[in-house]
Structure formats: structure tokens, C-alpha cells
PDB file of N, CA and C in Angstrom:
ATOM      1  N   MET A   1      11.426  -1.530   2.486  1.00  0.00           N
ATOM      2  CA  MET A   1      11.235  -0.561   1.420  1.00  0.00           C
ATOM      3  C   MET A   1      12.091  -0.985   0.227  1.00  0.00           C
ATOM      4  N   LYS A   2      11.448  -1.126  -0.923  1.00  0.00           N
ATOM      5  CA  LYS A   2      12.147  -1.569  -2.121  1.00  0.00           C
ATOM      6  C   LYS A   2      11.855  -0.610  -3.255  1.00  0.00           C
ATOM      7  N   GLU A   3      12.809  -0.502  -4.169  1.00  0.00           N
ATOM      8  CA  GLU A   3      12.655   0.389  -5.315  1.00  0.00           C
ATOM      9  C   GLU A   3      12.492  -0.419  -6.599  1.00  0.00           C
ATOM     10  N   ILE A   4      11.637   0.096  -7.487  1.00  0.00           N
ATOM     11  CA  ILE A   4      11.403  -0.504  -8.796  1.00  0.00           C
ATOM     12  C   ILE A   4      11.545   0.608  -9.833  1.00  0.00           C
ATOM     13  N   LYS A   5      12.313   0.375 -10.877  1.00  0.00           N
ATOM     14  CA  LYS A   5      12.483   1.359 -11.957  1.00  0.00           C
ATOM     15  C   LYS A   5      11.391   1.133 -13.000  1.00  0.00           C
ATOM     16  N   VAL A   6      10.685   2.209 -13.363  1.00  0.00           N
ATOM     17  CA  VAL A   6       9.604   2.106 -14.345  1.00  0.00           C
ATOM     18  C   VAL A   6       9.707   3.210 -15.388  1.00  0.00           C
ATOM     19  N   LYS A   7       9.033   2.979 -16.499  1.00  0.00           N
ATOM     20  CA  LYS A   7       8.921   3.969 -17.575  1.00  0.00           C
ATOM     21  C   LYS A   7       7.448   4.096 -17.923  1.00  0.00           C
ATOM     22  N   LEU A   8       6.904   5.298 -17.812  1.00  0.00           N
ATOM     23  CA  LEU A   8       5.498   5.567 -18.135  1.00  0.00           C
ATOM     24  C   LEU A   8       5.489   6.494 -19.344  1.00  0.00           C
ATOM     25  N   SER A   9       5.406   5.906 -20.522  1.00  0.00           N
ATOM     26  CA  SER A   9       5.616   6.694 -21.735  1.00  0.00           C
ATOM     27  C   SER A   9       4.344   7.189 -22.418  1.00  0.00           C
ATOM     28  N   THR A  10       3.180   6.695 -21.981  1.00  0.00           N
ATOM     29  CA  THR A  10       1.933   7.135 -22.619  1.00  0.00           C
ATOM     30  C   THR A  10       0.906   7.520 -21.549  1.00  0.00           C
ATOM     31  N   ILE A  11      -0.103   8.245 -21.978  1.00  0.00           N
ATOM     32  CA  ILE A  11      -1.193   8.615 -21.075  1.00  0.00           C
ATOM     33  C   ILE A  11      -1.876   7.356 -20.561  1.00  0.00           C
ATOM     34  N   GLU A  12      -2.074   6.397 -21.443  1.00  0.00           N
ATOM     35  CA  GLU A  12      -2.726   5.142 -21.066  1.00  0.00           C
ATOM     36  C   GLU A  12      -1.911   4.376 -20.027  1.00  0.00           C
ATOM     37  N   SER A  13      -0.587   4.389 -20.174  1.00  0.00           N
ATOM     38  CA  SER A  13       0.251   3.674 -19.202  1.00  0.00           C
ATOM     39  C   SER A  13       0.185   4.345 -17.831  1.00  0.00           C
ATOM     40  N   VAL A  14       0.079   5.661 -17.802  1.00  0.00           N
ATOM     41  CA  VAL A  14      -0.056   6.372 -16.526  1.00  0.00           C
ATOM     42  C   VAL A  14      -1.380   5.982 -15.863  1.00  0.00           C
ATOM     43  N   LYS A  15      -2.450   5.933 -16.643  1.00  0.00           N
ATOM     44  CA  LYS A  15      -3.762   5.545 -16.091  1.00  0.00           C
ATOM     45  C   LYS A  15      -3.722   4.136 -15.514  1.00  0.00           C
ATOM     46  N   ARG A  16      -3.139   3.191 -16.257  1.00  0.00           N
ATOM     47  CA  ARG A  16      -3.046   1.801 -15.779  1.00  0.00           C
ATOM     48  C   ARG A  16      -2.176   1.707 -14.529  1.00  0.00           C
ATOM     49  N   PHE A  17      -1.086   2.471 -14.518  1.00  0.00           N
ATOM     50  CA  PHE A  17      -0.182   2.486 -13.360  1.00  0.00           C
ATOM     51  C   PHE A  17      -0.922   2.946 -12.107  1.00  0.00           C
ATOM     52  N   VAL A  18      -1.687   4.024 -12.210  1.00  0.00           N
ATOM     53  CA  VAL A  18      -2.442   4.554 -11.071  1.00  0.00           C
ATOM     54  C   VAL A  18      -3.506   3.549 -10.618  1.00  0.00           C
ATOM     55  N   GLU A  19      -4.185   2.920 -11.568  1.00  0.00           N
ATOM     56  CA  GLU A  19      -5.174   1.895 -11.209  1.00  0.00           C
ATOM     57  C   GLU A  19      -4.531   0.770 -10.411  1.00  0.00           C
ATOM     58  N   LYS A  20      -3.367   0.314 -10.847  1.00  0.00           N
ATOM     59  CA  LYS A  20      -2.692  -0.802 -10.181  1.00  0.00           C
ATOM     60  C   LYS A  20      -2.164  -0.406  -8.804  1.00  0.00           C
ATOM     61  N   THR A  21      -1.572   0.772  -8.675  1.00  0.00           N
ATOM     62  CA  THR A  21      -1.007   1.169  -7.379  1.00  0.00           C
ATOM     63  C   THR A  21      -2.094   1.549  -6.377  1.00  0.00           C
ATOM     64  N   SER A  22      -3.232   2.002  -6.861  1.00  0.00           N
ATOM     65  CA  SER A  22      -4.309   2.450  -5.967  1.00  0.00           C
ATOM     66  C   SER A  22      -4.938   1.326  -5.148  1.00  0.00           C
ATOM     67  N   LYS A  23      -4.766   0.096  -5.576  1.00  0.00           N
ATOM     68  CA  LYS A  23      -5.387  -1.011  -4.839  1.00  0.00           C
ATOM     69  C   LYS A  23      -4.570  -1.477  -3.632  1.00  0.00           C
ATOM     70  N   TYR A  24      -3.384  -0.892  -3.430  1.00  0.00           N
ATOM     71  CA  TYR A  24      -2.539  -1.287  -2.304  1.00  0.00           C
ATOM     72  C   TYR A  24      -2.771  -0.364  -1.111  1.00  0.00           C
ATOM     73  N   PRO A  25      -2.811  -0.940   0.110  1.00  0.00           N
ATOM     74  CA  PRO A  25      -3.126  -0.139   1.298  1.00  0.00           C
ATOM     75  C   PRO A  25      -1.951   0.679   1.837  1.00  0.00           C
ATOM     76  N   PHE A  26      -0.754   0.425   1.362  1.00  0.00           N
ATOM     77  CA  PHE A  26       0.416   1.146   1.868  1.00  0.00           C
ATOM     78  C   PHE A  26       0.792   2.282   0.918  1.00  0.00           C
ATOM     79  N   GLU A  27       1.647   3.180   1.407  1.00  0.00           N
ATOM     80  CA  GLU A  27       2.068   4.319   0.591  1.00  0.00           C
ATOM     81  C   GLU A  27       3.064   3.881  -0.466  1.00  0.00           C
ATOM     82  N   ILE A  28       2.907   4.453  -1.651  1.00  0.00           N
ATOM     83  CA  ILE A  28       3.821   4.192  -2.759  1.00  0.00           C
ATOM     84  C   ILE A  28       4.175   5.548  -3.362  1.00  0.00           C
ATOM     85  N   ASP A  29       5.462   5.812  -3.472  1.00  0.00           N
ATOM     86  CA  ASP A  29       5.932   7.067  -4.042  1.00  0.00           C
ATOM     87  C   ASP A  29       6.590   6.825  -5.386  1.00  0.00           C
ATOM     88  N   VAL A  30       6.591   7.860  -6.222  1.00  0.00           N
ATOM     89  CA  VAL A  30       7.343   7.853  -7.471  1.00  0.00           C
ATOM     90  C   VAL A  30       8.355   8.986  -7.353  1.00  0.00           C
ATOM     91  N   VAL A  31       9.618   8.652  -7.580  1.00  0.00           N
ATOM     92  CA  VAL A  31      10.696   9.624  -7.443  1.00  0.00           C
ATOM     93  C   VAL A  31      11.294   9.909  -8.816  1.00  0.00           C
ATOM     94  N   SER A  32      11.420  11.194  -9.118  1.00  0.00           N
ATOM     95  CA  SER A  32      12.062  11.633 -10.347  1.00  0.00           C
ATOM     96  C   SER A  32      12.962  12.803  -9.987  1.00  0.00           C
ATOM     97  N   GLY A  33      14.250  12.552  -9.956  1.00  0.00           N
ATOM     98  CA  GLY A  33      15.179  13.597  -9.522  1.00  0.00           C
ATOM     99  C   GLY A  33      14.911  13.977  -8.086  1.00  0.00           C
ATOM    100  N   ARG A  34      14.625  15.238  -7.850  1.00  0.00           N
ATOM    101  CA  ARG A  34      14.347  15.688  -6.479  1.00  0.00           C
ATOM    102  C   ARG A  34      12.856  15.695  -6.135  1.00  0.00           C
ATOM    103  N   TYR A  35      12.024  15.294  -7.081  1.00  0.00           N
ATOM    104  CA  TYR A  35      10.577  15.288  -6.873  1.00  0.00           C
ATOM    105  C   TYR A  35      10.086  13.930  -6.384  1.00  0.00           C
ATOM    106  N   VAL A  36       9.220  13.961  -5.383  1.00  0.00           N
ATOM    107  CA  VAL A  36       8.596  12.752  -4.859  1.00  0.00           C
ATOM    108  C   VAL A  36       7.088  12.945  -4.959  1.00  0.00           C
ATOM    109  N   ILE A  37       6.432  12.050  -5.708  1.00  0.00           N
ATOM    110  CA  ILE A  37       5.003  12.159  -6.002  1.00  0.00           C
ATOM    111  C   ILE A  37       4.291  10.908  -5.498  1.00  0.00           C
ATOM    112  N   ASP A  38       3.080  11.071  -5.023  1.00  0.00           N
ATOM    113  CA  ASP A  38       2.238   9.934  -4.639  1.00  0.00           C
ATOM    114  C   ASP A  38       1.910   9.136  -5.897  1.00  0.00           C
ATOM    115  N   ALA A  39       2.237   7.833  -5.896  1.00  0.00           N
ATOM    116  CA  ALA A  39       2.014   6.988  -7.078  1.00  0.00           C
ATOM    117  C   ALA A  39       0.538   6.796  -7.393  1.00  0.00           C
ATOM    118  N   LYS A  40      -0.327   7.144  -6.461  1.00  0.00           N
ATOM    119  CA  LYS A  40      -1.766   6.972  -6.659  1.00  0.00           C
ATOM    120  C   LYS A  40      -2.423   8.249  -7.188  1.00  0.00           C
ATOM    121  N   SER A  41      -1.605   9.274  -7.465  1.00  0.00           N
ATOM    122  CA  SER A  41      -2.098  10.571  -7.924  1.00  0.00           C
ATOM    123  C   SER A  41      -1.834  10.756  -9.419  1.00  0.00           C
ATOM    124  N   ILE A  42      -2.878  10.669 -10.208  1.00  0.00           N
ATOM    125  CA  ILE A  42      -2.708  10.814 -11.662  1.00  0.00           C
ATOM    126  C   ILE A  42      -2.229  12.223 -12.017  1.00  0.00           C
ATOM    127  N   MET A  43      -2.747  13.225 -11.325  1.00  0.00           N
ATOM    128  CA  MET A  43      -2.320  14.605 -11.596  1.00  0.00           C
ATOM    129  C   MET A  43      -0.856  14.805 -11.212  1.00  0.00           C
ATOM    130  N   GLY A  44      -0.464  14.194 -10.093  1.00  0.00           N
ATOM    131  CA  GLY A  44       0.933  14.292  -9.669  1.00  0.00           C
ATOM    132  C   GLY A  44       1.865  13.670 -10.687  1.00  0.00           C
ATOM    133  N   LEU A  45       1.503  12.513 -11.206  1.00  0.00           N
ATOM    134  CA  LEU A  45       2.351  11.836 -12.193  1.00  0.00           C
ATOM    135  C   LEU A  45       2.464  12.643 -13.477  1.00  0.00           C
ATOM    136  N   PHE A  46       1.375  13.276 -13.895  1.00  0.00           N
ATOM    137  CA  PHE A  46       1.440  14.084 -15.108  1.00  0.00           C
ATOM    138  C   PHE A  46       2.271  15.359 -14.918  1.00  0.00           C
ATOM    139  N   SER A  47       2.601  15.698 -13.677  1.00  0.00           N
ATOM    140  CA  SER A  47       3.450  16.863 -13.437  1.00  0.00           C
ATOM    141  C   SER A  47       4.932  16.528 -13.634  1.00  0.00           C
ATOM    142  N   LEU A  48       5.245  15.233 -13.762  1.00  0.00           N
ATOM    143  CA  LEU A  48       6.633  14.805 -13.938  1.00  0.00           C
ATOM    144  C   LEU A  48       7.002  14.760 -15.419  1.00  0.00           C
ATOM    145  N   ASN A  49       8.295  14.761 -15.685  1.00  0.00           N
ATOM    146  CA  ASN A  49       8.789  14.566 -17.038  1.00  0.00           C
ATOM    147  C   ASN A  49       8.776  13.064 -17.306  1.00  0.00           C
ATOM    148  N   LEU A  50       7.828  12.592 -18.083  1.00  0.00           N
ATOM    149  CA  LEU A  50       7.656  11.164 -18.320  1.00  0.00           C
ATOM    150  C   LEU A  50       8.661  10.603 -19.327  1.00  0.00           C
ATOM    151  N   GLU A  51       9.573  11.447 -19.797  1.00  0.00           N
ATOM    152  CA  GLU A  51      10.662  10.969 -20.658  1.00  0.00           C
ATOM    153  C   GLU A  51      11.694  10.209 -19.822  1.00  0.00           C
ATOM    154  N   ASN A  52      11.738  10.519 -18.534  1.00  0.00           N
ATOM    155  CA  ASN A  52      12.735   9.932 -17.636  1.00  0.00           C
ATOM    156  C   ASN A  52      12.279   8.590 -17.079  1.00  0.00           C
ATOM    157  N   VAL A  53      13.250   7.781 -16.682  1.00  0.00           N
ATOM    158  CA  VAL A  53      12.957   6.565 -15.928  1.00  0.00           C
ATOM    159  C   VAL A  53      12.616   7.014 -14.515  1.00  0.00           C
ATOM    160  N   LEU A  54      11.540   6.454 -13.965  1.00  0.00           N
ATOM    161  CA  LEU A  54      11.062   6.828 -12.641  1.00  0.00           C
ATOM    162  C   LEU A  54      11.362   5.710 -11.649  1.00  0.00           C
ATOM    163  N   THR A  55      11.522   6.087 -10.389  1.00  0.00           N
ATOM    164  CA  THR A  55      11.765   5.107  -9.336  1.00  0.00           C
ATOM    165  C   THR A  55      10.535   5.008  -8.458  1.00  0.00           C
ATOM    166  N   VAL A  56       9.993   3.805  -8.326  1.00  0.00           N
ATOM    167  CA  VAL A  56       8.842   3.550  -7.456  1.00  0.00           C
ATOM    168  C   VAL A  56       9.376   3.056  -6.120  1.00  0.00           C
ATOM    169  N   VAL A  57       8.925   3.691  -5.036  1.00  0.00           N
ATOM    170  CA  VAL A  57       9.333   3.302  -3.689  1.00  0.00           C
ATOM    171  C   VAL A  57       8.084   2.900  -2.918  1.00  0.00           C
ATOM    172  N   ALA A  58       8.023   1.631  -2.550  1.00  0.00           N
ATOM    173  CA  ALA A  58       6.874   1.111  -1.792  1.00  0.00           C
ATOM    174  C   ALA A  58       7.237   1.092  -0.312  1.00  0.00           C
ATOM    175  N   HIS A  59       6.368   1.658   0.510  1.00  0.00           N
ATOM    176  CA  HIS A  59       6.612   1.739   1.950  1.00  0.00           C
ATOM    177  C   HIS A  59       5.885   0.605   2.669  1.00  0.00           C
ATOM    178  N   THR A  60       6.452  -0.591   2.529  1.00  0.00           N
ATOM    179  CA  THR A  60       5.898  -1.764   3.200  1.00  0.00           C
ATOM    180  C   THR A  60       7.022  -2.724   3.529  1.00  0.00           C
ATOM    181  N   ASP A  61       6.859  -3.447   4.620  1.00  0.00           N
ATOM    182  CA  ASP A  61       7.810  -4.493   4.986  1.00  0.00           C
ATOM    183  C   ASP A  61       7.241  -5.868   4.688  1.00  0.00           C
ATOM    184  N   ASN A  62       6.011  -5.908   4.167  1.00  0.00           N
ATOM    185  CA  ASN A  62       5.342  -7.163   3.862  1.00  0.00           C
ATOM    186  C   ASN A  62       5.864  -7.696   2.520  1.00  0.00           C
ATOM    187  N   GLU A  63       6.638  -8.785   2.583  1.00  0.00           N
ATOM    188  CA  GLU A  63       7.251  -9.357   1.377  1.00  0.00           C
ATOM    189  C   GLU A  63       6.215  -9.829   0.358  1.00  0.00           C
ATOM    190  N   GLU A  64       5.119 -10.391   0.841  1.00  0.00           N
ATOM    191  CA  GLU A  64       4.082 -10.902  -0.058  1.00  0.00           C
ATOM    192  C   GLU A  64       3.429  -9.763  -0.846  1.00  0.00           C
ATOM    193  N   GLU A  65       3.097  -8.672  -0.158  1.00  0.00           N
ATOM    194  CA  GLU A  65       2.509  -7.516  -0.847  1.00  0.00           C
ATOM    195  C   GLU A  65       3.506  -6.929  -1.844  1.00  0.00           C
ATOM    196  N   MET A  66       4.779  -6.905  -1.472  1.00  0.00           N
ATOM    197  CA  MET A  66       5.805  -6.350  -2.349  1.00  0.00           C
ATOM    198  C   MET A  66       5.929  -7.188  -3.620  1.00  0.00           C
ATOM    199  N   LYS A  67       5.872  -8.503  -3.499  1.00  0.00           N
ATOM    200  CA  LYS A  67       5.936  -9.373  -4.674  1.00  0.00           C
ATOM    201  C   LYS A  67       4.743  -9.142  -5.588  1.00  0.00           C
ATOM    202  N   LYS A  68       3.557  -8.961  -4.997  1.00  0.00           N
ATOM    203  CA  LYS A  68       2.358  -8.680  -5.800  1.00  0.00           C
ATOM    204  C   LYS A  68       2.520  -7.369  -6.556  1.00  0.00           C
ATOM    205  N   LEU A  69       3.033  -6.356  -5.865  1.00  0.00           N
ATOM    206  CA  LEU A  69       3.245  -5.053  -6.507  1.00  0.00           C
ATOM    207  C   LEU A  69       4.242  -5.180  -7.659  1.00  0.00           C
ATOM    208  N   GLU A  70       5.350  -5.863  -7.422  1.00  0.00           N
ATOM    209  CA  GLU A  70       6.343  -6.045  -8.482  1.00  0.00           C
ATOM    210  C   GLU A  70       5.728  -6.736  -9.695  1.00  0.00           C
ATOM    211  N   GLU A  71       4.895  -7.726  -9.450  1.00  0.00           N
ATOM    212  CA  GLU A  71       4.226  -8.448 -10.538  1.00  0.00           C
ATOM    213  C   GLU A  71       3.271  -7.517 -11.293  1.00  0.00           C
ATOM    214  N   ASP A  72       2.509  -6.711 -10.553  1.00  0.00           N
ATOM    215  CA  ASP A  72       1.572  -5.766 -11.168  1.00  0.00           C
ATOM    216  C   ASP A  72       2.285  -4.725 -12.025  1.00  0.00           C
ATOM    217  N   LEU A  73       3.490  -4.334 -11.631  1.00  0.00           N
ATOM    218  CA  LEU A  73       4.196  -3.253 -12.319  1.00  0.00           C
ATOM    219  C   LEU A  73       5.183  -3.745 -13.381  1.00  0.00           C
ATOM    220  N   LYS A  74       5.209  -5.054 -13.619  1.00  0.00           N
ATOM    221  CA  LYS A  74       6.147  -5.621 -14.611  1.00  0.00           C
ATOM    222  C   LYS A  74       6.014  -4.986 -15.986  1.00  0.00           C
ATOM    223  N   GLU A  75       4.793  -4.688 -16.395  1.00  0.00           N
ATOM    224  CA  GLU A  75       4.585  -4.125 -17.735  1.00  0.00           C
ATOM    225  C   GLU A  75       5.208  -2.748 -17.883  1.00  0.00           C
ATOM    226  N   PHE A  76       5.522  -2.085 -16.770  1.00  0.00           N
ATOM    227  CA  PHE A  76       6.101  -0.745 -16.805  1.00  0.00           C
ATOM    228  C   PHE A  76       7.608  -0.750 -16.572  1.00  0.00           C
ATOM    229  N   ALA A  77       8.198  -1.932 -16.425  1.00  0.00           N
ATOM    230  CA  ALA A  77       9.622  -2.050 -16.086  1.00  0.00           C
ATOM    231  C   ALA A  77      10.476  -1.300 -17.093  1.00  0.00           C
ATOM    232  N   ALA A  78      11.408  -0.526 -16.570  1.00  0.00           N
ATOM    233  CA  ALA A  78      12.325   0.237 -17.419  1.00  0.00           C
ATOM    234  C   ALA A  78      13.382  -0.710 -17.977  1.00  0.00           C
ATOM    235  N   GLN A  79      13.638  -0.612 -19.254  1.00  0.00           N
ATOM    236  CA  GLN A  79      14.687  -1.415 -19.896  1.00  0.00           C
ATOM    237  C   GLN A  79      16.021  -0.763 -19.637  1.00  0.00           C
ATOM    238  N   ASN A  80      16.940  -1.523 -19.100  1.00  0.00           N
ATOM    239  CA  ASN A  80      18.272  -0.952 -18.768  1.00  0.00           C
ATOM    240  C   ASN A  80      19.165  -0.873 -19.962  1.00  0.00           C
TER     241      ASN A  80
END
């Protein structure tokens, strides 16, 4: 299980994020404070405060799939 920090600042970025995460067979969560949302749920993501940096948690032990996910989500990477 690995965490990736992301920023989803526009409606379009949320749509692209859901499209990218939906193609993976394992569970992916988005954590914001005490809230945990399914990363494949567009309605769930819109319920979060998108001003905040979000944490993506992928529930897989497959290193290859994890690398693909990290590559897919690079455009959403939060700037530290």
C-alpha cells in the first residue's frame, strides 16, 4: 500500500482523475482529513474540499501496477 499526494483543482481534473483510476482492478481511496472516498467515485470526490491536498491510497502489493498508477497520476501531483 502506497500513498500519493495529489491536487484536484478543477472539475476537468476530477473527471480525468476518475477516468484514470477507474481502469485499475484494485481499490483506490482518496483521503482528506478524516474522510475516505472511493477514488473511482466522481460524486464522492466532489463532496471533498478540493482546495486541500489529497492523499491517494492504492490497495495493491503489485509493484508494476503501482508504478503504472503513479505514472497515470503524475499530472495531479501536489507541489510541495
